[in-house]
Amino acid sequence: MIVTSDEQKEHKRVVILLALVAILLTIIVMLSIFYIRSTHSKSQARKEAVKIAEEHAQLDSVEDFYWFNRDETYFGLTGKDASGNEIVVIIPEKGGDILTFDQEEGLTEGQAKQVVKERYGEENVQKVNLGMFDGKAVWEVVCKSSEGALNYYLIAFENGEEVNTVLGI
């Protein structure tokens, strides 16, 4: 049997194509595993925080979950209690007092973003978290500057006052 150069070229193309497909599939599988592992801890923390809030704050439905990391870690939840009232629950990761507020007592996430936009001219909000800082319930609004640096604004939940600002990280 005589193999022509065209058949050799075609065979070589098939082998290269199969190798590329195998490499792409390997990359996709590895990225999927990385993604699942990186989000697992957040989903586990959310489940535990919701369970605690249901037991201690009578949280009936969850709207948003926040993971706040500063000197200490807090999990924040917004949602409704069994009576349909909008509430905010802040849970310290290491245990301790679970704080519950009526949403009417403070700013919403959207209002905290608006305060930062109006006060500091920030337009590119990256994320918002709810937690405690220096004994105060705060919204952490993280913005990306036009130069690419991150700016962190801590806004008091109660009245929107500036609690702390870290610029240019």
N, C-alpha and C. Protein backbone atom coordinates (compact mmCIF):
# COMPACT_ATOMS: atom_id res chain seq x y z
N MET A 1 0.84 -1.17 0.00
CA MET A 1 0.00 0.00 0.00
C MET A 1 0.88 1.23 0.00
N ILE A 2 0.59 2.10 -0.91
CA ILE A 2 1.37 3.33 -1.06
C ILE A 2 0.56 4.48 -0.45
N VAL A 3 1.23 5.22 0.44
CA VAL A 3 0.57 6.37 1.07
C VAL A 3 1.08 7.62 0.38
N THR A 4 0.15 8.42 -0.09
CA THR A 4 0.54 9.65 -0.78
C THR A 4 0.82 10.74 0.23
N SER A 5 1.48 11.76 -0.23
CA SER A 5 1.82 12.87 0.67
C SER A 5 0.56 13.61 1.10
N ASP A 6 -0.47 13.64 0.24
CA ASP A 6 -1.74 14.28 0.64
C ASP A 6 -2.39 13.53 1.79
N GLU A 7 -2.33 12.19 1.74
CA GLU A 7 -2.91 11.40 2.82
C GLU A 7 -2.12 11.59 4.11
N GLN A 8 -0.81 11.72 3.99
CA GLN A 8 0.02 11.97 5.18
C GLN A 8 -0.31 13.33 5.78
N LYS A 9 -0.50 14.32 4.95
CA LYS A 9 -0.84 15.66 5.44
C LYS A 9 -2.21 15.66 6.13
N GLU A 10 -3.15 14.94 5.53
CA GLU A 10 -4.50 14.87 6.11
C GLU A 10 -4.45 14.16 7.46
N HIS A 11 -3.69 13.08 7.54
CA HIS A 11 -3.56 12.36 8.80
C HIS A 11 -2.92 13.25 9.87
N LYS A 12 -1.93 14.00 9.48
CA LYS A 12 -1.25 14.90 10.40
C LYS A 12 -2.22 15.98 10.90
N ARG A 13 -3.06 16.52 10.03
CA ARG A 13 -4.06 17.53 10.42
C ARG A 13 -5.06 16.96 11.43
N VAL A 14 -5.49 15.74 11.19
CA VAL A 14 -6.45 15.09 12.10
C VAL A 14 -5.82 14.90 13.48
N VAL A 15 -4.57 14.46 13.51
CA VAL A 15 -3.87 14.25 14.78
C VAL A 15 -3.73 15.58 15.53
N ILE A 16 -3.36 16.63 14.83
CA ILE A 16 -3.20 17.95 15.45
C ILE A 16 -4.54 18.45 15.96
N LEU A 17 -5.58 18.29 15.17
CA LEU A 17 -6.92 18.72 15.58
C LEU A 17 -7.39 17.97 16.83
N LEU A 18 -7.18 16.67 16.86
CA LEU A 18 -7.55 15.88 18.04
C LEU A 18 -6.75 16.31 19.27
N ALA A 19 -5.49 16.60 19.09
CA ALA A 19 -4.66 17.06 20.20
C ALA A 19 -5.16 18.40 20.74
N LEU A 20 -5.52 19.32 19.84
CA LEU A 20 -6.05 20.62 20.26
C LEU A 20 -7.38 20.47 21.01
N VAL A 21 -8.23 19.58 20.52
CA VAL A 21 -9.52 19.34 21.19
C VAL A 21 -9.27 18.78 22.59
N ALA A 22 -8.34 17.84 22.70
CA ALA A 22 -8.02 17.25 24.00
C ALA A 22 -7.47 18.31 24.97
N ILE A 23 -6.61 19.18 24.48
CA ILE A 23 -6.04 20.24 25.32
C ILE A 23 -7.14 21.20 25.76
N LEU A 24 -8.01 21.61 24.85
CA LEU A 24 -9.11 22.52 25.19
C LEU A 24 -10.05 21.88 26.22
N LEU A 25 -10.38 20.62 26.04
CA LEU A 25 -11.24 19.94 27.01
C LEU A 25 -10.58 19.87 28.39
N THR A 26 -9.29 19.61 28.42
CA THR A 26 -8.56 19.57 29.68
C THR A 26 -8.61 20.94 30.36
N ILE A 27 -8.41 21.99 29.62
CA ILE A 27 -8.45 23.35 30.17
C ILE A 27 -9.85 23.66 30.71
N ILE A 28 -10.88 23.30 29.97
CA ILE A 28 -12.26 23.55 30.41
C ILE A 28 -12.56 22.80 31.70
N VAL A 29 -12.15 21.55 31.77
CA VAL A 29 -12.39 20.76 32.98
C VAL A 29 -11.63 21.37 34.17
N MET A 30 -10.40 21.76 33.99
CA MET A 30 -9.61 22.35 35.07
C MET A 30 -10.23 23.66 35.55
N LEU A 31 -10.66 24.50 34.63
CA LEU A 31 -11.30 25.77 35.01
C LEU A 31 -12.61 25.52 35.74
N SER A 32 -13.36 24.53 35.31
CA SER A 32 -14.61 24.19 35.99
C SER A 32 -14.35 23.73 37.42
N ILE A 33 -13.37 22.90 37.61
CA ILE A 33 -13.02 22.42 38.95
C ILE A 33 -12.58 23.59 39.82
N PHE A 34 -11.77 24.47 39.29
CA PHE A 34 -11.31 25.65 40.04
C PHE A 34 -12.49 26.53 40.43
N TYR A 35 -13.40 26.75 39.51
CA TYR A 35 -14.58 27.59 39.79
C TYR A 35 -15.44 26.97 40.88
N ILE A 36 -15.70 25.69 40.78
CA ILE A 36 -16.54 25.01 41.77
C ILE A 36 -15.90 25.07 43.14
N ARG A 37 -14.62 24.84 43.23
CA ARG A 37 -13.94 24.89 44.53
C ARG A 37 -13.92 26.31 45.10
N SER A 38 -13.73 27.30 44.25
CA SER A 38 -13.65 28.68 44.76
C SER A 38 -15.01 29.20 45.21
N THR A 39 -16.10 28.73 44.62
CA THR A 39 -17.42 29.21 45.01
C THR A 39 -18.05 28.34 46.10
N HIS A 40 -17.51 27.18 46.36
CA HIS A 40 -18.09 26.29 47.36
C HIS A 40 -18.09 26.92 48.75
N SER A 41 -16.98 27.55 49.14
CA SER A 41 -16.90 28.13 50.47
C SER A 41 -17.93 29.25 50.64
N LYS A 42 -18.15 30.03 49.60
CA LYS A 42 -19.14 31.10 49.70
C LYS A 42 -20.55 30.53 49.80
N SER A 43 -20.85 29.52 49.04
CA SER A 43 -22.19 28.94 49.11
C SER A 43 -22.41 28.25 50.45
N GLN A 44 -21.37 27.63 51.00
CA GLN A 44 -21.48 27.01 52.31
C GLN A 44 -21.69 28.07 53.38
N ALA A 45 -20.95 29.17 53.31
CA ALA A 45 -21.10 30.26 54.28
C ALA A 45 -22.51 30.85 54.19
N ARG A 46 -23.02 31.00 52.98
CA ARG A 46 -24.37 31.53 52.80
C ARG A 46 -25.41 30.61 53.45
N LYS A 47 -25.28 29.32 53.22
CA LYS A 47 -26.22 28.36 53.80
C LYS A 47 -26.22 28.45 55.32
N GLU A 48 -25.02 28.49 55.91
CA GLU A 48 -24.93 28.56 57.36
C GLU A 48 -25.47 29.87 57.90
N ALA A 49 -25.17 30.99 57.23
CA ALA A 49 -25.67 32.29 57.67
C ALA A 49 -27.19 32.35 57.59
N VAL A 50 -27.76 31.81 56.54
CA VAL A 50 -29.22 31.80 56.39
C VAL A 50 -29.84 30.99 57.51
N LYS A 51 -29.27 29.84 57.81
CA LYS A 51 -29.81 28.99 58.88
C LYS A 51 -29.79 29.73 60.22
N ILE A 52 -28.68 30.38 60.53
CA ILE A 52 -28.56 31.14 61.78
C ILE A 52 -29.57 32.29 61.80
N ALA A 53 -29.70 33.01 60.70
CA ALA A 53 -30.63 34.14 60.64
C ALA A 53 -32.07 33.68 60.75
N GLU A 54 -32.39 32.52 60.20
CA GLU A 54 -33.74 31.98 60.33
C GLU A 54 -34.06 31.68 61.80
N GLU A 55 -33.07 31.13 62.51
CA GLU A 55 -33.27 30.75 63.91
C GLU A 55 -33.29 31.95 64.85
N HIS A 56 -32.36 32.88 64.65
CA HIS A 56 -32.16 33.97 65.61
C HIS A 56 -32.85 35.28 65.24
N ALA A 57 -33.14 35.48 63.98
CA ALA A 57 -33.73 36.76 63.56
C ALA A 57 -35.06 36.56 62.84
N GLN A 58 -35.55 35.34 62.82
CA GLN A 58 -36.81 35.00 62.17
C GLN A 58 -36.81 35.44 60.69
N LEU A 59 -35.66 35.35 60.05
CA LEU A 59 -35.57 35.64 58.62
C LEU A 59 -36.37 34.59 57.86
N ASP A 60 -37.28 35.05 57.03
CA ASP A 60 -38.16 34.14 56.30
C ASP A 60 -37.72 33.97 54.85
N SER A 61 -37.27 35.06 54.23
CA SER A 61 -36.79 34.99 52.84
C SER A 61 -35.56 35.86 52.70
N VAL A 62 -34.62 35.41 51.89
CA VAL A 62 -33.34 36.10 51.71
C VAL A 62 -33.32 36.80 50.36
N GLU A 63 -32.94 38.08 50.40
CA GLU A 63 -32.79 38.83 49.16
C GLU A 63 -31.32 38.82 48.71
N ASP A 64 -30.43 39.20 49.63
CA ASP A 64 -29.00 39.27 49.29
C ASP A 64 -28.14 38.73 50.43
N PHE A 65 -26.96 38.23 50.06
CA PHE A 65 -25.97 37.72 51.00
C PHE A 65 -24.68 38.50 50.78
N TYR A 66 -24.02 38.91 51.87
CA TYR A 66 -22.77 39.69 51.78
C TYR A 66 -21.71 39.04 52.67
N TRP A 67 -20.47 39.08 52.20
CA TRP A 67 -19.34 38.55 52.96
C TRP A 67 -18.37 39.71 53.15
N PHE A 68 -18.27 40.21 54.38
CA PHE A 68 -17.49 41.40 54.72
C PHE A 68 -16.22 40.98 55.45
N ASN A 69 -15.05 41.36 54.92
CA ASN A 69 -13.76 41.03 55.53
C ASN A 69 -12.98 42.30 55.83
N ARG A 70 -12.77 42.56 57.06
CA ARG A 70 -11.86 43.61 57.51
C ARG A 70 -11.05 43.01 58.64
N ASP A 71 -11.00 43.66 59.81
CA ASP A 71 -10.31 43.06 60.96
C ASP A 71 -10.98 41.74 61.35
N GLU A 72 -12.29 41.70 61.18
CA GLU A 72 -13.06 40.49 61.44
C GLU A 72 -13.97 40.24 60.25
N THR A 73 -14.49 39.03 60.16
CA THR A 73 -15.37 38.66 59.06
C THR A 73 -16.81 38.62 59.55
N TYR A 74 -17.70 39.18 58.72
CA TYR A 74 -19.14 39.18 59.02
C TYR A 74 -19.89 38.73 57.79
N PHE A 75 -21.03 38.10 58.04
CA PHE A 75 -21.94 37.73 56.96
C PHE A 75 -23.19 38.59 57.13
N GLY A 76 -23.57 39.26 56.06
CA GLY A 76 -24.75 40.11 56.10
C GLY A 76 -25.84 39.54 55.20
N LEU A 77 -27.06 39.67 55.65
CA LEU A 77 -28.20 39.20 54.87
C LEU A 77 -29.27 40.29 54.86
N THR A 78 -29.92 40.44 53.74
CA THR A 78 -31.11 41.28 53.68
C THR A 78 -32.24 40.39 53.22
N GLY A 79 -33.44 40.70 53.71
CA GLY A 79 -34.59 39.89 53.33
C GLY A 79 -35.81 40.31 54.13
N LYS A 80 -36.73 39.39 54.29
CA LYS A 80 -37.97 39.67 55.00
C LYS A 80 -38.16 38.67 56.14
N ASP A 81 -38.78 39.17 57.22
CA ASP A 81 -39.11 38.28 58.32
C ASP A 81 -40.49 37.66 58.06
N ALA A 82 -40.95 36.86 58.99
CA ALA A 82 -42.22 36.15 58.81
C ALA A 82 -43.40 37.10 58.65
N SER A 83 -43.29 38.33 59.18
CA SER A 83 -44.38 39.31 59.06
C SER A 83 -44.31 40.10 57.76
N GLY A 84 -43.28 39.85 56.96
CA GLY A 84 -43.12 40.57 55.70
C GLY A 84 -42.34 41.86 55.81
N ASN A 85 -41.79 42.15 57.01
CA ASN A 85 -40.97 43.35 57.20
C ASN A 85 -39.58 43.12 56.62
N GLU A 86 -39.04 44.14 55.95
CA GLU A 86 -37.68 44.04 55.42
C GLU A 86 -36.70 44.22 56.56
N ILE A 87 -35.78 43.26 56.68
CA ILE A 87 -34.79 43.30 57.75
C ILE A 87 -33.39 43.10 57.21
N VAL A 88 -32.42 43.48 58.06
CA VAL A 88 -31.00 43.31 57.78
C VAL A 88 -30.43 42.53 58.96
N VAL A 89 -29.65 41.49 58.67
CA VAL A 89 -29.06 40.66 59.71
C VAL A 89 -27.55 40.63 59.47
N ILE A 90 -26.78 40.88 60.55
CA ILE A 90 -25.32 40.82 60.47
C ILE A 90 -24.84 39.80 61.48
N ILE A 91 -24.07 38.81 60.98
CA ILE A 91 -23.63 37.68 61.79
C ILE A 91 -22.10 37.66 61.82
N PRO A 92 -21.49 37.72 63.02
CA PRO A 92 -20.03 37.59 63.09
C PRO A 92 -19.61 36.15 62.79
N GLU A 93 -18.58 36.00 61.99
CA GLU A 93 -18.11 34.66 61.62
C GLU A 93 -17.68 33.85 62.85
N LYS A 94 -17.04 34.51 63.81
CA LYS A 94 -16.50 33.81 64.97
C LYS A 94 -17.52 33.67 66.10
N GLY A 95 -18.77 33.96 65.83
CA GLY A 95 -19.79 33.87 66.87
C GLY A 95 -19.92 35.20 67.60
N GLY A 96 -20.92 35.29 68.42
CA GLY A 96 -21.17 36.53 69.15
C GLY A 96 -22.58 37.02 68.85
N ASP A 97 -22.79 38.29 69.15
CA ASP A 97 -24.12 38.86 68.98
C ASP A 97 -24.51 38.96 67.51
N ILE A 98 -25.70 38.48 67.22
CA ILE A 98 -26.26 38.60 65.88
C ILE A 98 -27.10 39.86 65.88
N LEU A 99 -26.81 40.76 64.98
CA LEU A 99 -27.50 42.04 64.93
C LEU A 99 -28.61 42.00 63.90
N THR A 100 -29.77 42.51 64.27
CA THR A 100 -30.91 42.57 63.36
C THR A 100 -31.43 44.00 63.35
N PHE A 101 -31.65 44.54 62.16
CA PHE A 101 -32.17 45.89 62.00
C PHE A 101 -33.38 45.85 61.08
N ASP A 102 -34.31 46.73 61.29
CA ASP A 102 -35.34 46.97 60.29
C ASP A 102 -34.67 47.72 59.16
N GLN A 103 -34.93 47.34 57.92
CA GLN A 103 -34.30 48.02 56.79
C GLN A 103 -34.59 49.52 56.82
N GLU A 104 -35.74 49.90 57.35
CA GLU A 104 -36.12 51.31 57.43
C GLU A 104 -35.18 52.12 58.32
N GLU A 105 -34.43 51.45 59.21
CA GLU A 105 -33.51 52.13 60.12
C GLU A 105 -32.23 52.59 59.44
N GLY A 106 -32.01 52.16 58.20
CA GLY A 106 -30.75 52.52 57.56
C GLY A 106 -30.84 52.50 56.05
N LEU A 107 -29.67 52.62 55.45
CA LEU A 107 -29.56 52.68 54.00
C LEU A 107 -29.68 51.29 53.39
N THR A 108 -30.22 51.24 52.19
CA THR A 108 -30.21 50.02 51.39
C THR A 108 -28.89 49.98 50.62
N GLU A 109 -28.62 48.86 49.98
CA GLU A 109 -27.42 48.76 49.15
C GLU A 109 -27.42 49.85 48.07
N GLY A 110 -28.55 50.03 47.42
CA GLY A 110 -28.64 51.04 46.37
C GLY A 110 -28.41 52.45 46.89
N GLN A 111 -28.92 52.74 48.07
CA GLN A 111 -28.71 54.06 48.65
C GLN A 111 -27.24 54.27 49.02
N ALA A 112 -26.57 53.23 49.52
CA ALA A 112 -25.15 53.33 49.84
C ALA A 112 -24.33 53.61 48.57
N LYS A 113 -24.66 52.93 47.48
CA LYS A 113 -23.98 53.18 46.21
C LYS A 113 -24.20 54.63 45.77
N GLN A 114 -25.43 55.11 45.92
CA GLN A 114 -25.76 56.47 45.51
C GLN A 114 -24.99 57.50 46.33
N VAL A 115 -24.84 57.25 47.64
CA VAL A 115 -24.07 58.16 48.49
C VAL A 115 -22.64 58.26 47.98
N VAL A 116 -22.04 57.12 47.66
CA VAL A 116 -20.66 57.12 47.18
C VAL A 116 -20.55 57.82 45.83
N LYS A 117 -21.50 57.60 44.96
CA LYS A 117 -21.47 58.26 43.65
C LYS A 117 -21.58 59.77 43.80
N GLU A 118 -22.51 60.22 44.64
CA GLU A 118 -22.73 61.66 44.80
C GLU A 118 -21.59 62.32 45.57
N ARG A 119 -21.14 61.69 46.64
CA ARG A 119 -20.13 62.30 47.51
C ARG A 119 -18.73 62.25 46.91
N TYR A 120 -18.39 61.17 46.24
CA TYR A 120 -17.02 60.98 45.77
C TYR A 120 -16.89 60.95 44.25
N GLY A 121 -18.00 61.01 43.55
CA GLY A 121 -17.96 61.00 42.09
C GLY A 121 -17.61 59.66 41.50
N GLU A 122 -17.73 58.60 42.28
CA GLU A 122 -17.40 57.25 41.80
C GLU A 122 -18.53 56.71 40.93
N GLU A 123 -18.18 56.17 39.81
CA GLU A 123 -19.17 55.61 38.89
C GLU A 123 -19.03 54.10 38.72
N ASN A 124 -17.82 53.60 38.91
CA ASN A 124 -17.54 52.19 38.61
C ASN A 124 -17.53 51.35 39.89
N VAL A 125 -18.74 51.04 40.41
CA VAL A 125 -18.85 50.23 41.62
C VAL A 125 -18.58 48.76 41.26
N GLN A 126 -17.64 48.15 41.98
CA GLN A 126 -17.26 46.77 41.73
C GLN A 126 -18.07 45.79 42.58
N LYS A 127 -18.24 46.15 43.86
CA LYS A 127 -19.03 45.28 44.75
C LYS A 127 -19.43 46.07 45.99
N VAL A 128 -20.39 45.52 46.69
CA VAL A 128 -20.88 46.12 47.94
C VAL A 128 -21.02 45.00 48.96
N ASN A 129 -20.59 45.29 50.20
CA ASN A 129 -20.71 44.32 51.28
C ASN A 129 -21.31 44.99 52.50
N LEU A 130 -21.88 44.19 53.36
CA LEU A 130 -22.51 44.66 54.58
C LEU A 130 -21.84 43.98 55.76
N GLY A 131 -21.41 44.77 56.77
CA GLY A 131 -20.75 44.18 57.92
C GLY A 131 -20.64 45.17 59.06
N MET A 132 -19.67 44.93 59.93
CA MET A 132 -19.44 45.78 61.09
C MET A 132 -18.00 46.29 61.05
N PHE A 133 -17.84 47.57 61.46
CA PHE A 133 -16.51 48.17 61.54
C PHE A 133 -16.54 49.15 62.70
N ASP A 134 -15.61 49.01 63.63
CA ASP A 134 -15.55 49.86 64.82
C ASP A 134 -16.89 49.95 65.53
N GLY A 135 -17.57 48.82 65.63
CA GLY A 135 -18.82 48.76 66.36
C GLY A 135 -20.03 49.34 65.64
N LYS A 136 -19.87 49.66 64.35
CA LYS A 136 -20.97 50.24 63.58
C LYS A 136 -21.30 49.33 62.40
N ALA A 137 -22.60 49.24 62.11
CA ALA A 137 -23.02 48.54 60.90
C ALA A 137 -22.67 49.43 59.71
N VAL A 138 -22.01 48.85 58.71
CA VAL A 138 -21.55 49.65 57.56
C VAL A 138 -21.80 48.93 56.24
N TRP A 139 -21.89 49.75 55.23
CA TRP A 139 -21.85 49.28 53.85
C TRP A 139 -20.44 49.55 53.34
N GLU A 140 -19.80 48.55 52.78
CA GLU A 140 -18.51 48.73 52.13
C GLU A 140 -18.77 48.79 50.64
N VAL A 141 -18.45 49.93 50.04
CA VAL A 141 -18.65 50.11 48.61
C VAL A 141 -17.26 50.17 47.96
N VAL A 142 -16.97 49.22 47.09
CA VAL A 142 -15.67 49.12 46.44
C VAL A 142 -15.82 49.62 45.01
N CYS A 143 -14.99 50.61 44.66
CA CYS A 143 -15.06 51.21 43.33
C CYS A 143 -13.69 51.11 42.65
N LYS A 144 -13.72 51.06 41.34
CA LYS A 144 -12.48 51.03 40.55
C LYS A 144 -12.31 52.39 39.90
N SER A 145 -11.16 53.02 40.15
CA SER A 145 -10.90 54.34 39.59
C SER A 145 -10.56 54.22 38.10
N SER A 146 -10.52 55.35 37.44
CA SER A 146 -10.19 55.35 36.01
C SER A 146 -8.76 54.87 35.77
N GLU A 147 -7.90 54.96 36.79
CA GLU A 147 -6.52 54.49 36.68
C GLU A 147 -6.39 53.00 37.00
N GLY A 148 -7.50 52.38 37.43
CA GLY A 148 -7.49 50.95 37.72
C GLY A 148 -7.29 50.61 39.18
N ALA A 149 -7.12 51.60 40.04
CA ALA A 149 -6.94 51.35 41.47
C ALA A 149 -8.31 51.13 42.13
N LEU A 150 -8.31 50.41 43.25
CA LEU A 150 -9.55 50.18 43.99
C LEU A 150 -9.65 51.15 45.15
N ASN A 151 -10.85 51.70 45.34
CA ASN A 151 -11.15 52.60 46.45
C ASN A 151 -12.24 51.95 47.29
N TYR A 152 -12.02 51.91 48.60
CA TYR A 152 -12.96 51.29 49.54
C TYR A 152 -13.58 52.39 50.40
N TYR A 153 -14.91 52.46 50.38
CA TYR A 153 -15.64 53.44 51.17
C TYR A 153 -16.53 52.70 52.16
N LEU A 154 -16.36 52.98 53.45
CA LEU A 154 -17.25 52.43 54.46
C LEU A 154 -18.25 53.51 54.84
N ILE A 155 -19.51 53.22 54.60
CA ILE A 155 -20.61 54.15 54.82
C ILE A 155 -21.49 53.59 55.93
N ALA A 156 -21.78 54.41 56.95
CA ALA A 156 -22.60 53.94 58.06
C ALA A 156 -23.98 53.54 57.57
N PHE A 157 -24.41 52.35 57.98
CA PHE A 157 -25.74 51.86 57.62
C PHE A 157 -26.82 52.81 58.14
N GLU A 158 -26.63 53.30 59.33
CA GLU A 158 -27.65 54.10 60.00
C GLU A 158 -27.93 55.43 59.32
N ASN A 159 -26.87 56.15 58.91
CA ASN A 159 -27.10 57.52 58.43
C ASN A 159 -26.29 57.91 57.19
N GLY A 160 -25.50 57.01 56.65
CA GLY A 160 -24.74 57.31 55.45
C GLY A 160 -23.47 58.10 55.67
N GLU A 161 -23.08 58.30 56.93
CA GLU A 161 -21.84 59.04 57.19
C GLU A 161 -20.63 58.19 56.83
N GLU A 162 -19.54 58.87 56.46
CA GLU A 162 -18.29 58.17 56.15
C GLU A 162 -17.69 57.63 57.45
N VAL A 163 -17.39 56.34 57.45
CA VAL A 163 -16.77 55.71 58.61
C VAL A 163 -15.28 55.51 58.37
N ASN A 164 -14.93 55.15 57.13
CA ASN A 164 -13.54 54.88 56.79
C ASN A 164 -13.41 54.89 55.28
N THR A 165 -12.27 55.35 54.78
CA THR A 165 -12.01 55.33 53.35
C THR A 165 -10.58 54.89 53.12
N VAL A 166 -10.39 53.97 52.17
CA VAL A 166 -9.06 53.54 51.76
C VAL A 166 -9.01 53.73 50.25
N LEU A 167 -8.06 54.54 49.80
CA LEU A 167 -7.97 54.88 48.37
C LEU A 167 -6.73 54.29 47.72
N GLY A 168 -6.85 53.99 46.45
CA GLY A 168 -5.70 53.66 45.61
C GLY A 168 -5.03 52.34 45.87
N ILE A 169 -5.78 51.30 46.13
CA ILE A 169 -5.16 49.99 46.36
C ILE A 169 -5.06 49.26 45.04
